[in-house]
């Protein structure tokens, strides 16, 4: 029996000439290419997703020393007598002495206003006594004059006015909204510096802000709260804010 020679099939194997086989091979090739491209894109996407998820959370601090722009002094005093009219007369004399004291210091009359009065009655062994308590409040933006008044408050004692405990001067800073933007910017800058240190240690760089929280502004005495009876506030304050910032890392 004779064997077929290569010359009898010059086009190569007969199955390659089959249209179905050619379509199958073409589809397989396209599928293979698609899998390769899809795998590359998927891997690249996961890599980019991991890179996008890299972030660091830091806190930034900003502090500023300010001087109070509002002084408030609530003076509380009392008088006791066996009849209400006598007690009230003593209170009126004290009120007049207080007004003269502040007037001599240069405060306008409307800077001092009565803010409360209380009358109590007590009977012991058939003897009734009346106590009248009065509160007057000084409110001023003249900080230096207010400090001078505190320094000279013992003059009120010489005039017969005995102030009750808790009659101290307090100072407040009301210009917070004017300095908020600059302080937030300073706190954010401080946070970025901390983030950069983390980035340097990890071989990355700091990107944009992912999210941030402003934080709470606090205004406290510059030199701390000394406390204690008879200790007045000071006009020297420290404003402080801490921000929490999440930075992307690249």
Protein backbone atom coordinates (compact mmCIF):
# COMPACT_ATOMS: atom_id res chain seq x y z
CA UNK A 1 0.00 0.00 0.00
CA UNK A 2 1.38 3.33 -1.00
CA UNK A 3 1.80 6.12 1.69
CA UNK A 4 0.56 9.62 1.01
CA UNK A 5 3.34 11.95 0.26
CA UNK A 6 3.75 15.55 1.47
CA UNK A 7 3.18 16.63 -2.10
CA UNK A 8 -0.37 15.24 -1.91
CA UNK A 9 -1.15 17.82 0.95
CA UNK A 10 0.85 20.88 0.10
CA UNK A 11 -1.26 23.17 2.35
CA UNK A 12 -0.27 21.44 5.59
CA UNK A 13 -2.62 19.53 7.95
CA UNK A 14 -6.16 19.32 6.67
CA UNK A 15 -7.78 20.46 10.01
CA UNK A 16 -6.33 23.95 9.54
CA UNK A 17 -8.34 24.29 6.40
CA UNK A 18 -11.54 23.65 8.33
CA UNK A 19 -13.46 26.98 8.74
CA UNK A 20 -14.82 25.95 12.15
CA UNK A 21 -11.31 25.23 13.39
CA UNK A 22 -10.05 28.57 12.16
CA UNK A 23 -12.88 30.41 13.91
CA UNK A 24 -12.17 28.48 17.12
CA UNK A 25 -8.48 29.32 16.99
CA UNK A 26 -9.26 33.01 16.35
CA UNK A 27 -11.70 33.13 19.27
CA UNK A 28 -9.17 31.46 21.52
CA UNK A 29 -6.54 33.99 20.55
CA UNK A 30 -8.85 36.91 21.22
CA UNK A 31 -9.85 35.43 24.56
CA UNK A 32 -6.22 34.95 25.53
CA UNK A 33 -5.35 38.51 24.63
CA UNK A 34 -8.40 39.73 26.53
CA UNK A 35 -7.39 37.80 29.63
CA UNK A 36 -3.88 39.20 29.46
CA UNK A 37 -5.08 42.79 29.02
CA UNK A 38 -7.80 42.37 31.65
CA UNK A 39 -5.34 40.93 34.13
CA UNK A 40 -2.97 43.79 33.55
CA UNK A 41 -5.71 46.39 33.98
CA UNK A 42 -7.04 44.65 37.08
CA UNK A 43 -3.59 44.48 38.64
CA UNK A 44 -2.88 48.08 37.76
CA UNK A 45 -6.24 49.13 39.15
CA UNK A 46 -5.65 47.31 42.42
CA UNK A 47 -2.22 48.90 42.67
CA UNK A 48 -3.65 52.34 42.09
CA UNK A 49 -6.45 51.64 44.60
CA UNK A 50 -3.90 50.64 47.23
CA UNK A 51 -1.89 53.75 46.50
CA UNK A 52 -4.99 55.93 46.70
CA UNK A 53 -5.91 54.39 50.05
CA UNK A 54 -2.54 55.20 51.61
CA UNK A 55 -2.98 58.07 54.02
CA UNK A 56 -1.79 59.42 57.35
CA UNK A 57 -3.78 61.12 60.11
CA UNK A 58 -2.04 63.88 62.07
CA UNK A 59 -2.95 66.75 64.35
CA UNK A 60 -1.88 70.33 63.94
CA UNK A 61 -1.61 72.90 66.72
CA UNK A 62 -1.86 76.68 66.58
CA UNK A 63 -1.58 79.03 69.55
CA UNK A 64 -1.72 82.80 69.80
CA UNK A 65 -1.41 85.21 72.69
CA UNK A 66 -4.04 87.95 72.76
CA UNK A 67 -5.17 90.72 75.08
CA UNK A 68 -8.75 90.79 76.34
CA UNK A 69 -11.02 93.45 74.91
CA UNK A 70 -13.84 93.27 77.46
CA UNK A 71 -13.73 93.57 81.27
CA UNK A 72 -16.60 92.67 83.56
CA UNK A 73 -16.65 93.22 87.31
CA UNK A 74 -19.65 92.13 89.34
CA UNK A 75 -19.58 93.63 92.82
CA UNK A 76 -21.73 91.97 95.45
CA UNK A 77 -22.30 93.63 98.84
CA UNK A 78 -24.81 93.35 101.68
CA UNK A 79 -26.22 95.23 104.66
CA UNK A 80 -28.06 93.88 107.72
CA UNK A 81 -30.32 95.79 110.13
CA UNK A 82 -33.26 95.22 112.47
CA UNK A 83 -35.62 96.92 110.06
CA UNK A 84 -35.81 96.79 106.28
CA UNK A 85 -35.57 100.54 105.74
CA UNK A 86 -32.28 100.80 107.66
CA UNK A 87 -30.79 97.89 105.72
CA UNK A 88 -31.88 99.47 102.45
CA UNK A 89 -30.43 102.82 103.48
CA UNK A 90 -27.05 101.17 104.13
CA UNK A 91 -27.19 99.53 100.69
CA UNK A 92 -27.96 102.90 99.09
CA UNK A 93 -24.93 104.46 100.81
CA UNK A 94 -22.72 101.61 99.56
CA UNK A 95 -24.09 101.96 96.04
CA UNK A 96 -23.33 105.68 96.10
CA UNK A 97 -19.78 105.04 97.31
CA UNK A 98 -19.22 102.51 94.51
CA UNK A 99 -20.52 104.88 91.84
CA UNK A 100 -18.29 107.69 93.11
CA UNK A 101 -15.30 105.34 93.14
CA UNK A 102 -15.71 104.39 89.49
CA UNK A 103 -16.61 107.94 88.50
CA UNK A 104 -13.35 109.21 90.00
CA UNK A 105 -11.49 106.62 87.94
CA UNK A 106 -13.00 108.08 84.77
CA UNK A 107 -15.68 105.49 83.94
CA UNK A 108 -18.91 106.82 82.41
CA UNK A 109 -22.01 106.51 84.58
CA UNK A 110 -23.65 103.93 82.29
CA UNK A 111 -20.65 101.57 82.60
CA UNK A 112 -22.00 100.53 86.03
CA UNK A 113 -25.45 98.95 86.23
CA UNK A 114 -27.40 97.22 89.04
CA UNK A 115 -27.85 93.56 88.11
CA UNK A 116 -29.66 92.04 91.09
CA UNK A 117 -31.10 92.57 94.56
CA UNK A 118 -32.15 90.14 97.26
CA UNK A 119 -33.88 90.62 100.64
CA UNK A 120 -33.90 87.97 103.35
CA UNK A 121 -35.49 87.95 106.80
CA UNK A 122 -34.32 86.03 109.86
CA UNK A 123 -35.91 85.79 113.33
CA UNK A 124 -34.00 84.60 116.41
CA UNK A 125 -35.39 84.78 119.97
CA UNK A 126 -38.10 87.08 118.75
CA UNK A 127 -35.68 89.52 117.14
CA UNK A 128 -36.04 89.93 113.38
CA UNK A 129 -33.18 91.06 111.17
CA UNK A 130 -33.25 91.98 107.49
CA UNK A 131 -30.40 91.47 105.05
CA UNK A 132 -30.34 93.23 101.71
CA UNK A 133 -27.89 92.06 99.05
CA UNK A 134 -27.12 94.12 95.99
CA UNK A 135 -25.09 93.38 92.85
CA UNK A 136 -23.71 95.98 90.48
CA UNK A 137 -21.76 95.14 87.34
CA UNK A 138 -19.09 97.15 85.60
CA UNK A 139 -18.79 96.41 81.89
CA UNK A 140 -16.11 98.17 79.88
CA UNK A 141 -13.72 97.82 76.95
CA UNK A 142 -11.21 100.12 78.63
CA UNK A 143 -8.93 97.32 79.82
CA UNK A 144 -6.21 99.51 81.33
CA UNK A 145 -8.72 101.52 83.36
CA UNK A 146 -10.33 98.28 84.52
CA UNK A 147 -6.95 96.99 85.73
CA UNK A 148 -6.38 100.25 87.61
CA UNK A 149 -9.75 99.82 89.32
CA UNK A 150 -8.81 96.33 90.51
CA UNK A 151 -5.53 97.61 91.93
CA UNK A 152 -7.39 100.28 93.91
CA UNK A 153 -10.34 98.20 95.05
CA UNK A 154 -9.27 98.38 98.72
CA UNK A 155 -10.35 102.01 98.62
CA UNK A 156 -13.91 100.72 98.61
CA UNK A 157 -13.25 99.10 101.99
CA UNK A 158 -12.03 102.43 103.33
CA UNK A 159 -15.33 103.92 102.20
CA UNK A 160 -17.26 101.34 104.17
CA UNK A 161 -18.09 98.96 101.29
CA UNK A 162 -17.36 95.32 102.08
CA UNK A 163 -17.43 93.17 98.95
CA UNK A 164 -18.59 89.60 99.30
CA UNK A 165 -16.60 86.63 98.06
CA UNK A 166 -16.78 86.14 94.29
CA UNK A 167 -16.64 89.85 93.45
CA UNK A 168 -13.68 89.51 91.08
CA UNK A 169 -12.88 91.11 87.75
CA UNK A 170 -13.05 88.93 84.67
CA UNK A 171 -11.59 89.62 81.25
CA UNK A 172 -12.80 88.22 77.93
CA UNK A 173 -11.51 88.20 74.36
CA UNK A 174 -14.31 88.69 71.85
CA UNK A 175 -12.31 88.91 68.61
CA UNK A 176 -12.03 85.18 67.97
CA UNK A 177 -13.77 85.29 64.58
CA UNK A 178 -11.18 87.77 63.31
CA UNK A 179 -8.24 85.43 63.94
CA UNK A 180 -9.90 82.07 63.22
CA UNK A 181 -8.90 81.81 59.51
CA UNK A 182 -5.23 82.54 60.20
CA UNK A 183 -5.10 80.12 63.12
CA UNK A 184 -6.75 77.32 61.15
CA UNK A 185 -4.24 77.86 58.34
CA UNK A 186 -1.38 77.74 60.86
CA UNK A 187 -2.72 74.55 62.43
CA UNK A 188 -3.08 72.93 59.00
CA UNK A 189 0.49 73.90 58.13
CA UNK A 190 1.68 72.36 61.38
CA UNK A 191 -0.25 69.17 60.58
CA UNK A 192 1.34 68.97 57.11
CA UNK A 193 4.79 69.25 58.66
CA UNK A 194 4.01 66.26 60.88
CA UNK A 195 2.64 64.34 57.90
CA UNK A 196 5.81 65.08 55.94
CA UNK A 197 7.88 63.49 58.69
CA UNK A 198 5.80 60.32 58.42
CA UNK A 199 6.17 60.42 54.65
CA UNK A 200 9.94 60.78 54.88
CA UNK A 201 10.15 57.77 57.17
CA UNK A 202 8.04 55.65 54.81
CA UNK A 203 9.66 56.78 51.55
CA UNK A 204 6.54 58.54 50.26
CA UNK A 205 5.39 62.10 49.81
CA UNK A 206 2.44 64.04 51.15
CA UNK A 207 -0.48 64.57 48.80
CA UNK A 208 -3.74 66.46 49.11
CA UNK A 209 -6.02 66.58 52.16
CA UNK A 210 -8.35 63.60 52.32
CA UNK A 211 -10.52 65.08 55.06
CA UNK A 212 -10.06 67.39 58.02
CA UNK A 213 -11.70 68.36 61.29
CA UNK A 214 -11.32 71.93 62.52
CA UNK A 215 -11.33 71.21 66.24
CA UNK A 216 -12.38 73.32 69.21
CA UNK A 217 -11.05 76.80 69.96
CA UNK A 218 -10.17 77.44 73.59
CA UNK A 219 -9.34 80.74 75.29
CA UNK A 220 -7.54 80.44 78.61
CA UNK A 221 -5.41 82.57 80.87
CA UNK A 222 -1.96 82.94 79.35
CA UNK A 223 -0.19 82.03 82.58
CA UNK A 224 -2.68 79.42 83.78
CA UNK A 225 -5.44 79.60 86.36
CA UNK A 226 -3.94 80.71 89.66
CA UNK A 227 -7.26 80.25 91.48
CA UNK A 228 -7.91 81.06 95.11
CA UNK A 229 -10.13 83.56 96.82
CA UNK A 230 -9.63 87.19 95.92
CA UNK A 231 -7.61 86.40 92.81
CA UNK A 232 -8.82 88.34 89.79
CA UNK A 233 -8.57 87.31 86.19
CA UNK A 234 -5.95 88.86 83.92
CA UNK A 235 -6.43 90.33 80.44
CA UNK A 236 -3.64 88.21 78.96
CA UNK A 237 -5.08 85.19 77.16
CA UNK A 238 -3.92 82.31 75.00
CA UNK A 239 -6.07 81.10 72.11
CA UNK A 240 -5.52 77.49 71.08
CA UNK A 241 -6.90 75.19 68.38
CA UNK A 242 -6.06 71.62 67.41
CA UNK A 243 -7.05 70.35 63.96
CA UNK A 244 -7.17 66.72 62.80
CA UNK A 245 -6.12 66.30 59.16
CA UNK A 246 -6.02 63.15 56.98
CA UNK A 247 -3.46 63.45 54.15
CA UNK A 248 -3.08 61.22 51.11
CA UNK A 249 0.37 59.67 50.68
CA UNK A 250 1.84 59.28 47.22
